């Protein structure tokens, strides 16, 4: 049996063991993990049999990721996403909140101030995307704290600023794979195991998957983000 694109991305980022978290900050926000027992809950976005026998992929997804960033960058007249993220990463944090559901017509800002400029808005968008992923992760984990490995992929993961925000918001180290297209690498890994090049997925991953960087949460920022995340949850829940 083969695997869906999301699982291929998880495999190409080095995730495979039960509990490993794979986040994709792409056009959609995808948060997924492997489990050894099929969940009975019916409120999950996707529960799929893994390519690994006896294992399952559970997934939460929504259009709450880079589509929002692209919209903001275009609207605010930046020369490109890289330029916008570079400026936002150098700017100080504000209390501005953003709920990243612009593609579904449910996006919102809270706490706008006349002193804020377009760079502050972009930073709020990035933080809102990270908050949306944290909500997904909490749904996947239940009451279990985030203590396992987190792999971050997708277009936004190419920014060190974004990856650091994710680490601070999640409160745990975030690893960014070196592969530009981890989904394609994951598909190649499956093909290699199927052809007998490697005996197992784990062996294939050890031979092919490399990390470009690891981002560790800043203790001070983690406390700041925890406070703002609670405000964000209240706002997101009221809008939904």
Protein backbone atom coordinates (compact mmCIF):
# COMPACT_ATOMS: atom_id res chain seq x y z
CA UNK A 1 0.00 0.00 0.00
CA UNK A 2 1.21 3.46 -0.79
CA UNK A 3 0.57 6.61 1.25
CA UNK A 4 -1.16 9.96 0.81
CA UNK A 5 0.78 13.17 0.20
CA UNK A 6 0.63 14.29 3.83
CA UNK A 7 2.11 11.04 5.11
CA UNK A 8 4.79 11.14 2.42
CA UNK A 9 5.77 14.58 3.75
CA UNK A 10 5.91 13.23 7.30
CA UNK A 11 8.13 10.35 6.21
CA UNK A 12 10.36 12.66 4.18
CA UNK A 13 10.82 14.85 7.25
CA UNK A 14 11.93 11.90 9.38
CA UNK A 15 8.71 11.33 11.32
CA UNK A 16 7.58 7.70 11.60
CA UNK A 17 7.49 6.59 15.23
CA UNK A 18 4.25 6.64 17.18
CA UNK A 19 3.84 10.13 18.65
CA UNK A 20 6.08 11.96 16.17
CA UNK A 21 4.51 15.26 15.06
CA UNK A 22 4.75 16.56 11.51
CA UNK A 23 3.56 20.11 10.76
CA UNK A 24 3.14 21.44 7.23
CA UNK A 25 2.90 25.23 6.99
CA UNK A 26 1.92 25.30 3.33
CA UNK A 27 -1.18 26.47 1.48
CA UNK A 28 -3.10 24.61 4.20
CA UNK A 29 -2.05 24.20 7.81
CA UNK A 30 -1.51 20.47 8.35
CA UNK A 31 -0.73 18.96 11.76
CA UNK A 32 -0.34 15.18 11.92
CA UNK A 33 1.02 12.39 14.09
CA UNK A 34 1.41 8.62 13.98
CA UNK A 35 -0.40 6.39 16.48
CA UNK A 36 -0.39 2.64 17.07
CA UNK A 37 -4.13 2.35 17.65
CA UNK A 38 -6.97 3.65 15.50
CA UNK A 39 -8.70 6.54 17.32
CA UNK A 40 -12.40 6.16 18.03
CA UNK A 41 -13.03 9.92 17.91
CA UNK A 42 -15.16 11.14 15.02
CA UNK A 43 -14.19 14.81 15.23
CA UNK A 44 -10.74 14.45 13.63
CA UNK A 45 -10.15 15.86 10.15
CA UNK A 46 -8.59 12.63 8.87
CA UNK A 47 -7.77 9.18 10.24
CA UNK A 48 -5.87 7.14 7.67
CA UNK A 49 -4.14 3.75 7.68
CA UNK A 50 -0.40 4.37 7.53
CA UNK A 51 1.92 2.82 4.98
CA UNK A 52 3.44 1.16 8.07
CA UNK A 53 1.39 -1.95 8.95
CA UNK A 54 -0.50 -1.60 12.21
CA UNK A 55 0.03 2.16 12.44
CA UNK A 56 -2.35 5.07 11.75
CA UNK A 57 -1.97 8.68 10.67
CA UNK A 58 -4.24 11.18 12.41
CA UNK A 59 -4.44 14.65 10.92
CA UNK A 60 -5.95 18.07 11.44
CA UNK A 61 -6.06 20.53 8.54
CA UNK A 62 -7.50 23.91 7.60
CA UNK A 63 -6.72 26.76 5.15
CA UNK A 64 -4.96 28.70 7.90
CA UNK A 65 -1.37 28.87 6.72
CA UNK A 66 0.63 30.46 3.91
CA UNK A 67 -2.44 31.49 1.90
CA UNK A 68 -2.99 34.12 4.59
CA UNK A 69 0.63 35.29 4.38
CA UNK A 70 0.47 35.56 0.59
CA UNK A 71 -2.69 37.65 0.90
CA UNK A 72 -1.11 40.02 3.43
CA UNK A 73 2.13 40.42 1.47
CA UNK A 74 0.24 41.24 -1.72
CA UNK A 75 -2.22 43.58 -0.02
CA UNK A 76 0.46 45.52 1.85
CA UNK A 77 2.76 46.02 -1.13
CA UNK A 78 5.88 44.12 -0.10
CA UNK A 79 8.29 43.08 -2.86
CA UNK A 80 7.86 39.45 -1.87
CA UNK A 81 7.31 37.01 0.98
CA UNK A 82 11.01 36.78 1.84
CA UNK A 83 11.26 40.57 2.15
CA UNK A 84 8.14 40.74 4.34
CA UNK A 85 9.36 37.98 6.67
CA UNK A 86 12.82 39.52 6.95
CA UNK A 87 11.34 42.83 8.11
CA UNK A 88 8.80 41.17 10.42
CA UNK A 89 11.51 39.05 12.03
CA UNK A 90 13.47 42.18 12.91
CA UNK A 91 10.46 44.00 14.37
CA UNK A 92 9.37 43.98 18.00
CA UNK A 93 6.31 41.97 19.02
CA UNK A 94 2.96 43.70 19.53
CA UNK A 95 -0.35 42.61 21.11
CA UNK A 96 -2.02 42.50 17.69
CA UNK A 97 -3.88 39.22 17.10
CA UNK A 98 -4.79 37.64 13.78
CA UNK A 99 -7.10 34.69 13.15
CA UNK A 100 -5.84 33.16 9.87
CA UNK A 101 -9.01 32.06 8.12
CA UNK A 102 -9.00 34.64 5.32
CA UNK A 103 -9.43 31.95 2.58
CA UNK A 104 -12.78 30.93 4.17
CA UNK A 105 -13.99 34.48 4.81
CA UNK A 106 -13.50 34.18 8.58
CA UNK A 107 -10.20 35.98 9.04
CA UNK A 108 -9.98 38.71 11.68
CA UNK A 109 -7.64 41.11 13.44
CA UNK A 110 -8.07 42.16 17.06
CA UNK A 111 -6.32 45.01 18.84
CA UNK A 112 -5.50 47.14 15.81
CA UNK A 113 -3.78 50.37 16.76
CA UNK A 114 -2.98 53.41 14.63
CA UNK A 115 0.66 53.06 15.67
CA UNK A 116 0.97 49.67 13.95
CA UNK A 117 2.44 49.48 10.46
CA UNK A 118 2.42 46.83 7.73
CA UNK A 119 5.39 45.01 9.27
CA UNK A 120 3.46 44.59 12.52
CA UNK A 121 0.55 43.18 10.54
CA UNK A 122 2.77 40.59 8.82
CA UNK A 123 4.24 39.54 12.16
CA UNK A 124 0.73 39.09 13.56
CA UNK A 125 -0.17 36.94 10.55
CA UNK A 126 2.83 34.66 11.17
CA UNK A 127 1.98 34.35 14.86
CA UNK A 128 -1.68 33.66 14.00
CA UNK A 129 -0.65 30.82 11.70
CA UNK A 130 1.49 29.32 14.49
CA UNK A 131 -1.41 29.67 16.95
CA UNK A 132 -3.71 27.86 14.51
CA UNK A 133 -1.22 24.98 14.29
CA UNK A 134 -1.02 24.84 18.09
CA UNK A 135 -4.80 24.48 18.28
CA UNK A 136 -4.57 21.56 15.86
CA UNK A 137 -1.73 19.96 17.83
CA UNK A 138 -3.68 20.23 21.07
CA UNK A 139 -6.64 18.54 19.42
CA UNK A 140 -4.41 15.70 18.25
CA UNK A 141 -2.68 15.29 21.60
CA UNK A 142 -5.60 15.88 23.95
CA UNK A 143 -4.27 16.62 27.41
CA UNK A 144 -0.81 15.29 26.61
CA UNK A 145 1.82 18.08 26.52
CA UNK A 146 3.97 18.55 23.44
CA UNK A 147 7.08 16.60 24.39
CA UNK A 148 7.87 14.63 21.24
CA UNK A 149 9.85 15.62 18.17
CA UNK A 150 8.24 18.23 15.93
CA UNK A 151 9.19 18.44 12.26
CA UNK A 152 8.17 21.61 10.40
CA UNK A 153 7.89 21.68 6.58
CA UNK A 154 6.10 23.74 3.94
CA UNK A 155 6.98 27.01 2.29
CA UNK A 156 6.84 29.04 5.50
CA UNK A 157 9.34 26.68 7.16
CA UNK A 158 12.06 28.07 4.91
CA UNK A 159 12.12 31.18 7.10
CA UNK A 160 14.17 30.93 10.30
CA UNK A 161 11.94 33.63 11.79
CA UNK A 162 8.81 31.54 11.19
CA UNK A 163 10.41 28.37 12.56
CA UNK A 164 11.46 30.21 15.73
CA UNK A 165 7.93 31.54 16.21
CA UNK A 166 6.61 27.98 15.94
CA UNK A 167 9.11 26.79 18.57
CA UNK A 168 8.15 29.63 20.93
CA UNK A 169 4.40 29.10 20.42
CA UNK A 170 4.57 25.30 20.81
CA UNK A 171 7.06 25.50 23.67
CA UNK A 172 9.28 22.72 22.31
CA UNK A 173 12.17 22.29 19.85
CA UNK A 174 11.22 22.42 16.17
CA UNK A 175 13.35 20.67 13.54
CA UNK A 176 13.34 21.78 9.90
CA UNK A 177 14.41 19.12 7.36
CA UNK A 178 17.03 19.92 4.73
CA UNK A 179 14.97 18.54 1.82
CA UNK A 180 13.24 21.19 -0.29
CA UNK A 181 10.43 18.76 -1.12
CA UNK A 182 10.05 16.27 1.75
CA UNK A 183 6.86 14.86 0.21
CA UNK A 184 8.79 13.76 -2.88
CA UNK A 185 11.52 12.35 -0.66
CA UNK A 186 8.92 10.42 1.34
CA UNK A 187 7.50 8.92 -1.85
CA UNK A 188 11.03 7.93 -2.94
CA UNK A 189 11.64 6.34 0.46
CA UNK A 190 8.49 4.21 0.06
CA UNK A 191 9.57 3.20 -3.44
CA UNK A 192 13.04 2.29 -2.20
CA UNK A 193 11.65 0.07 0.56
CA UNK A 194 9.23 -1.52 -1.89
CA UNK A 195 12.12 -2.32 -4.26
CA UNK A 196 14.31 -3.69 -1.50
CA UNK A 197 16.90 -0.90 -1.56
CA UNK A 198 16.31 -0.52 2.20
CA UNK A 199 14.77 -3.15 4.48
CA UNK A 200 12.53 -0.76 6.44
CA UNK A 201 11.22 2.78 6.39
CA UNK A 202 13.40 3.55 9.40
CA UNK A 203 16.53 2.41 7.61
CA UNK A 204 15.58 4.46 4.54
CA UNK A 205 15.00 7.55 6.66
CA UNK A 206 18.33 7.16 8.45
CA UNK A 207 20.05 6.97 5.07
CA UNK A 208 18.30 9.92 3.41
CA UNK A 209 16.73 12.38 5.86
CA UNK A 210 18.83 15.24 7.21
CA UNK A 211 17.90 18.25 9.34
CA UNK A 212 18.81 21.76 8.23
CA UNK A 213 18.29 23.39 11.63
CA UNK A 214 16.76 22.99 15.07
CA UNK A 215 14.96 25.89 16.76
CA UNK A 216 14.57 25.89 20.54
CA UNK A 217 11.95 27.95 22.38
CA UNK A 218 13.03 31.12 24.11
CA UNK A 219 11.78 30.91 27.76
CA UNK A 220 10.74 34.57 27.87
CA UNK A 221 8.96 34.50 24.54
CA UNK A 222 7.28 31.24 25.47
CA UNK A 223 5.56 32.95 28.41
CA UNK A 224 4.52 35.89 26.21
CA UNK A 225 3.07 33.60 23.58
CA UNK A 226 1.22 31.52 26.16
CA UNK A 227 -0.66 34.62 27.31
CA UNK A 228 -1.47 35.72 23.77
CA UNK A 229 -2.45 32.19 22.75
CA UNK A 230 -5.16 32.16 25.41
CA UNK A 231 -6.47 35.45 23.99
CA UNK A 232 -6.26 33.96 20.49
CA UNK A 233 -8.28 30.87 21.49
CA UNK A 234 -11.02 33.03 22.94
CA UNK A 235 -11.17 35.10 19.76
CA UNK A 236 -11.04 32.09 17.41
CA UNK A 237 -13.71 30.22 19.36
CA UNK A 238 -16.05 33.23 19.39
CA UNK A 239 -15.65 33.70 15.62
CA UNK A 240 -16.36 30.04 14.89
